[in-house]
Protein backbone atom coordinates (compact mmCIF):
# COMPACT_ATOMS: atom_id res chain seq x y z
CA UNK A 1 0.00 0.00 0.00
CA UNK A 2 1.49 3.30 -1.09
CA UNK A 3 0.88 5.99 1.53
CA UNK A 4 1.66 9.68 1.19
CA UNK A 5 1.42 12.50 3.69
CA UNK A 6 0.24 15.91 2.54
CA UNK A 7 0.51 19.12 4.57
CA UNK A 8 -1.77 21.88 3.23
CA UNK A 9 -0.30 25.33 3.87
CA UNK A 10 -1.72 28.65 2.74
CA UNK A 11 -0.46 32.13 3.48
CA UNK A 12 -3.75 34.02 3.57
CA UNK A 13 -5.24 32.66 6.79
CA UNK A 14 -8.10 34.87 7.98
CA UNK A 15 -7.14 34.54 11.66
CA UNK A 16 -3.35 34.42 11.32
CA UNK A 17 -1.92 35.47 7.93
CA UNK A 18 1.44 33.91 7.07
CA UNK A 19 1.45 31.46 9.97
CA UNK A 20 3.12 28.56 8.06
CA UNK A 21 6.22 30.80 7.92
CA UNK A 22 6.00 31.97 11.54
CA UNK A 23 9.39 31.53 13.22
CA UNK A 24 9.71 28.86 15.90
CA UNK A 25 13.21 28.75 17.37
CA UNK A 26 14.91 29.59 14.10
CA UNK A 27 12.79 27.56 11.67
CA UNK A 28 9.39 28.27 10.06
CA UNK A 29 6.44 26.37 11.49
CA UNK A 30 5.96 24.35 8.29
CA UNK A 31 9.50 22.95 8.71
CA UNK A 32 8.65 21.58 12.14
CA UNK A 33 5.48 19.90 10.85
CA UNK A 34 7.37 18.38 7.92
CA UNK A 35 10.10 17.01 10.20
CA UNK A 36 7.52 15.27 12.38
CA UNK A 37 5.87 13.72 9.33
CA UNK A 38 9.19 12.47 7.97
CA UNK A 39 9.60 10.38 11.13
CA UNK A 40 6.55 8.29 10.17
CA UNK A 41 7.95 5.21 8.45
CA UNK A 42 4.58 4.35 6.88
CA UNK A 43 4.95 7.25 4.45
CA UNK A 44 6.43 6.66 1.02
CA UNK A 45 6.62 10.44 0.60
CA UNK A 46 5.57 13.67 2.32
CA UNK A 47 4.60 16.87 0.51
CA UNK A 48 3.64 20.39 1.46
CA UNK A 49 0.74 21.67 -0.67
CA UNK A 50 0.58 25.44 -1.04
CA UNK A 51 -0.76 28.18 -3.29
CA UNK A 52 1.77 30.77 -2.15
CA UNK A 53 5.15 31.51 -3.72
CA UNK A 54 6.69 32.56 -0.39
CA UNK A 55 5.85 29.21 1.19
CA UNK A 56 6.88 27.34 -1.97
CA UNK A 57 10.27 29.07 -2.12
CA UNK A 58 10.91 28.60 1.60
CA UNK A 59 10.17 24.88 1.31
CA UNK A 60 12.55 24.55 -1.63
CA UNK A 61 15.31 26.34 0.30
CA UNK A 62 14.85 23.98 3.25
CA UNK A 63 14.77 20.80 1.16
CA UNK A 64 11.06 20.18 1.70
CA UNK A 65 9.12 18.42 -1.07
CA UNK A 66 6.43 20.89 -2.10
CA UNK A 67 3.64 21.03 -4.68
CA UNK A 68 2.16 24.30 -5.98
CA UNK A 69 -1.63 24.11 -6.05
CA UNK A 70 -4.51 26.26 -7.21
CA UNK A 71 -5.49 29.45 -5.36
CA UNK A 72 -9.18 28.64 -5.78
CA UNK A 73 -9.43 25.85 -3.19
CA UNK A 74 -11.94 26.53 -0.42
CA UNK A 75 -10.46 24.08 2.09
CA UNK A 76 -7.19 22.39 2.91
CA UNK A 77 -8.71 19.03 1.99
CA UNK A 78 -9.44 20.32 -1.52
CA UNK A 79 -5.76 21.26 -1.74
CA UNK A 80 -4.77 17.76 -0.61
CA UNK A 81 -7.07 16.37 -3.31
CA UNK A 82 -5.14 18.21 -6.01
CA UNK A 83 -1.89 16.65 -4.82
CA UNK A 84 -3.55 13.22 -4.86
CA UNK A 85 -4.39 13.76 -8.53
CA UNK A 86 -0.73 14.45 -9.27
CA UNK A 87 0.78 11.81 -6.99
CA UNK A 88 -1.26 8.56 -7.09
CA UNK A 89 -1.42 6.64 -3.81
CA UNK A 90 -3.54 4.03 -2.03
CA UNK A 91 -3.92 6.18 1.08
CA UNK A 92 -3.55 9.93 1.50
CA UNK A 93 -2.97 11.38 4.96
CA UNK A 94 -3.79 15.03 5.57
CA UNK A 95 -1.67 16.61 8.32
CA UNK A 96 -2.47 20.19 9.26
CA UNK A 97 0.32 22.71 8.74
CA UNK A 98 -0.33 24.43 12.07
CA UNK A 99 0.48 21.40 14.27
CA UNK A 100 4.26 21.69 14.84
CA UNK A 101 4.14 19.58 18.03
CA UNK A 102 2.25 16.68 16.47
CA UNK A 103 3.85 13.39 17.52
CA UNK A 104 4.78 10.83 14.81
CA UNK A 105 2.99 8.12 16.81
CA UNK A 106 -0.17 10.21 16.65
CA UNK A 107 0.05 10.47 12.87
CA UNK A 108 0.57 6.70 12.65
CA UNK A 109 -2.64 6.16 14.64
CA UNK A 110 -4.65 7.59 11.73
CA UNK A 111 -3.00 5.09 9.37
CA UNK A 112 -3.10 1.88 11.43
CA UNK A 113 -6.83 1.04 11.00
CA UNK A 114 -6.47 0.88 7.20
CA UNK A 115 -4.15 -2.12 7.47
CA UNK A 116 -6.83 -4.15 9.27
CA UNK A 117 -9.99 -2.89 7.56
CA UNK A 118 -9.86 -2.77 3.75
CA UNK A 119 -13.38 -1.25 3.68
CA UNK A 120 -12.39 1.78 5.74
CA UNK A 121 -12.51 5.00 3.71
CA UNK A 122 -11.85 7.82 6.18
CA UNK A 123 -10.14 8.14 9.55
CA UNK A 124 -9.71 11.07 11.92
CA UNK A 125 -8.25 11.45 15.39
CA UNK A 126 -9.59 12.75 18.68
CA UNK A 127 -8.19 13.21 22.15
CA UNK A 128 -9.78 13.64 25.56
CA UNK A 129 -10.23 17.22 26.71
CA UNK A 130 -8.41 17.80 30.00
CA UNK A 131 -8.59 21.60 30.05
CA UNK A 132 -12.20 22.77 30.67
CA UNK A 133 -11.46 25.92 28.66
CA UNK A 134 -11.13 23.78 25.52
CA UNK A 135 -14.67 22.47 26.00
CA UNK A 136 -16.10 25.94 25.44
CA UNK A 137 -13.41 27.33 23.12
CA UNK A 138 -14.94 27.83 19.65
CA UNK A 139 -11.56 27.33 17.95
CA UNK A 140 -11.55 23.74 19.25
CA UNK A 141 -13.90 21.35 17.37
CA UNK A 142 -15.52 18.81 19.68
CA UNK A 143 -16.16 15.25 18.47
CA UNK A 144 -19.23 13.12 19.16
CA UNK A 145 -19.13 9.46 18.12
CA UNK A 146 -21.29 6.38 18.48
CA UNK A 147 -20.23 3.33 20.50
CA UNK A 148 -18.11 2.07 17.60
CA UNK A 149 -16.16 5.30 17.24
CA UNK A 150 -17.98 6.40 14.10
CA UNK A 151 -18.39 10.16 13.93
CA UNK A 152 -21.91 11.48 14.49
CA UNK A 153 -21.17 15.18 14.66
CA UNK A 154 -18.46 17.76 15.25
CA UNK A 155 -19.14 21.20 16.67
CA UNK A 156 -17.39 24.28 17.96
CA UNK A 157 -19.97 24.48 20.76
CA UNK A 158 -19.87 22.47 23.96
CA UNK A 159 -21.67 19.26 23.09
CA UNK A 160 -23.35 17.07 24.06
CA UNK A 161 -25.07 19.21 26.66
CA UNK A 162 -24.96 17.46 30.10
CA UNK A 163 -28.68 17.62 30.95
CA UNK A 164 -29.31 13.96 31.74
CA UNK A 165 -25.89 13.03 33.12
CA UNK A 166 -22.51 14.47 34.02
CA UNK A 167 -20.85 11.13 33.35
CA UNK A 168 -19.29 12.03 30.00
CA UNK A 169 -15.78 12.70 28.75
CA UNK A 170 -15.44 15.39 26.09
CA UNK A 171 -13.14 14.94 23.12
CA UNK A 172 -11.55 17.37 20.71
CA UNK A 173 -10.50 16.80 17.14
CA UNK A 174 -6.86 16.19 16.29
CA UNK A 175 -6.49 17.30 12.70
CA UNK A 176 -4.93 14.26 11.04
CA UNK A 177 -7.09 12.54 8.44
CA UNK A 178 -6.67 9.38 6.39
CA UNK A 179 -8.46 9.23 3.03
CA UNK A 180 -8.88 6.49 0.49
CA UNK A 181 -8.64 8.07 -3.01
CA UNK A 182 -12.34 7.55 -3.85
CA UNK A 183 -13.50 9.34 -0.70
CA UNK A 184 -11.12 12.23 -1.30
CA UNK A 185 -12.30 12.46 -4.91
CA UNK A 186 -15.92 12.67 -3.69
CA UNK A 187 -15.01 15.51 -1.32
CA UNK A 188 -13.34 17.53 -4.06
CA UNK A 189 -15.99 16.93 -6.71
CA UNK A 190 -18.75 17.84 -4.25
CA UNK A 191 -16.97 21.09 -3.48
CA UNK A 192 -16.61 21.98 -7.15
CA UNK A 193 -20.29 21.29 -7.78
CA UNK A 194 -21.97 22.56 -4.61
CA UNK A 195 -19.37 24.33 -2.49
CA UNK A 196 -19.35 23.49 1.21
CA UNK A 197 -22.06 21.23 2.62
CA UNK A 198 -24.79 22.89 4.68
CA UNK A 199 -23.62 22.19 8.24
CA UNK A 200 -19.96 22.15 7.19
CA UNK A 201 -20.35 25.78 6.16
CA UNK A 202 -22.07 26.74 9.42
CA UNK A 203 -19.55 25.06 11.75
CA UNK A 204 -16.59 25.58 9.37
CA UNK A 205 -15.38 22.02 10.02
CA UNK A 206 -14.30 20.21 6.85
CA UNK A 207 -14.92 16.61 7.94
CA UNK A 208 -18.64 17.35 8.31
CA UNK A 209 -18.93 17.22 4.51
CA UNK A 210 -18.41 13.46 4.70
CA UNK A 211 -20.72 12.91 7.67
CA UNK A 212 -23.51 14.97 6.11
CA UNK A 213 -23.29 12.84 2.99
CA UNK A 214 -23.48 9.49 4.75
CA UNK A 215 -19.80 8.54 4.92
CA UNK A 216 -18.56 6.68 7.97
CA UNK A 217 -15.62 8.47 9.57
CA UNK A 218 -13.69 6.23 11.95
CA UNK A 219 -12.39 8.10 14.99
CA UNK A 220 -9.33 6.91 16.84
CA UNK A 221 -8.71 8.09 20.38
CA UNK A 222 -5.11 9.19 20.95
CA UNK A 223 -3.23 10.63 23.89
CA UNK A 224 -1.94 13.76 22.21
CA UNK A 225 -0.71 16.96 23.81
CA UNK A 226 -0.32 18.84 20.56
CA UNK A 227 -1.13 22.56 20.36
CA UNK A 228 -2.68 23.84 17.15
CA UNK A 229 -1.50 27.33 16.23
CA UNK A 230 -4.69 29.28 15.56
CA UNK A 231 -3.63 32.60 17.11
CA UNK A 232 -0.43 34.52 17.96
CA UNK A 233 -0.96 33.46 21.59
CA UNK A 234 -0.89 29.80 20.50
CA UNK A 235 2.37 30.51 18.68
CA UNK A 236 3.96 31.85 21.86
CA UNK A 237 2.90 28.69 23.72
CA UNK A 238 4.46 26.52 21.03
CA UNK A 239 7.67 28.54 20.97
CA UNK A 240 8.05 28.07 24.71
CA UNK A 241 7.45 24.31 24.49
CA UNK A 242 9.84 23.85 21.56
CA UNK A 243 12.50 25.93 23.30
CA UNK A 244 12.24 23.70 26.38
CA UNK A 245 12.51 20.56 24.25
CA UNK A 246 15.59 21.88 22.45
CA UNK A 247 17.22 22.80 25.77
CA UNK A 248 16.48 19.30 27.09
CA UNK A 249 17.98 17.69 23.98
CA UNK A 250 14.67 16.06 23.02
CA UNK A 251 14.57 17.71 19.59
CA UNK A 252 16.85 19.74 17.34
CA UNK A 253 16.31 22.68 15.00
CA UNK A 254 19.32 21.78 12.85
């Protein structure tokens, strides 16, 4: 099974323009994400997918495999789909470009179920929410699954609401996705024909396009302490963590 990793990276983020190039201890954020992905031995190749010449040129300078994609894509998954058209593979893994602390073992967790279940089309990760602030933070998508780990809904609100019981653990999405080519093709063709799906557009959560259209998304629970960089404050948190890891000799920026 040929497996590729794709990291979508665009410059014109509405909340944090230019964040893939934000400096973290001497290297741009996209470099850190790429290095983590390269540690995953399941991957035959890893690519950054961008529509921006600054990001493209920076990747080339740093020896990162990069693919220039269209500026018209509405979502990162659409951008990943364009790479999949150019680089055929049996499984395409979408790793978000704003997750510089993402552990290789966490990425592998999104791949593992495909070895055992040939019918699986889509995987996504989730992790238990330990910080109560995350449960009400609208930048953190919450995941609701059935007993088999199949996604029922994702929302930026606190859900489910604890009216009948307080005996419930809340989970947040970890933005690593595994796609079989046919499922990814559906996503892209739907977007070209209809744009975003109804609830996907309201919540602004890409994976909802699959759930709304009847696809089964398998969720895998991981113990991940990653910090997604959505704001400049998040960037400062990540810089501090990376600096500590470099000082402790756990990682290197060379």
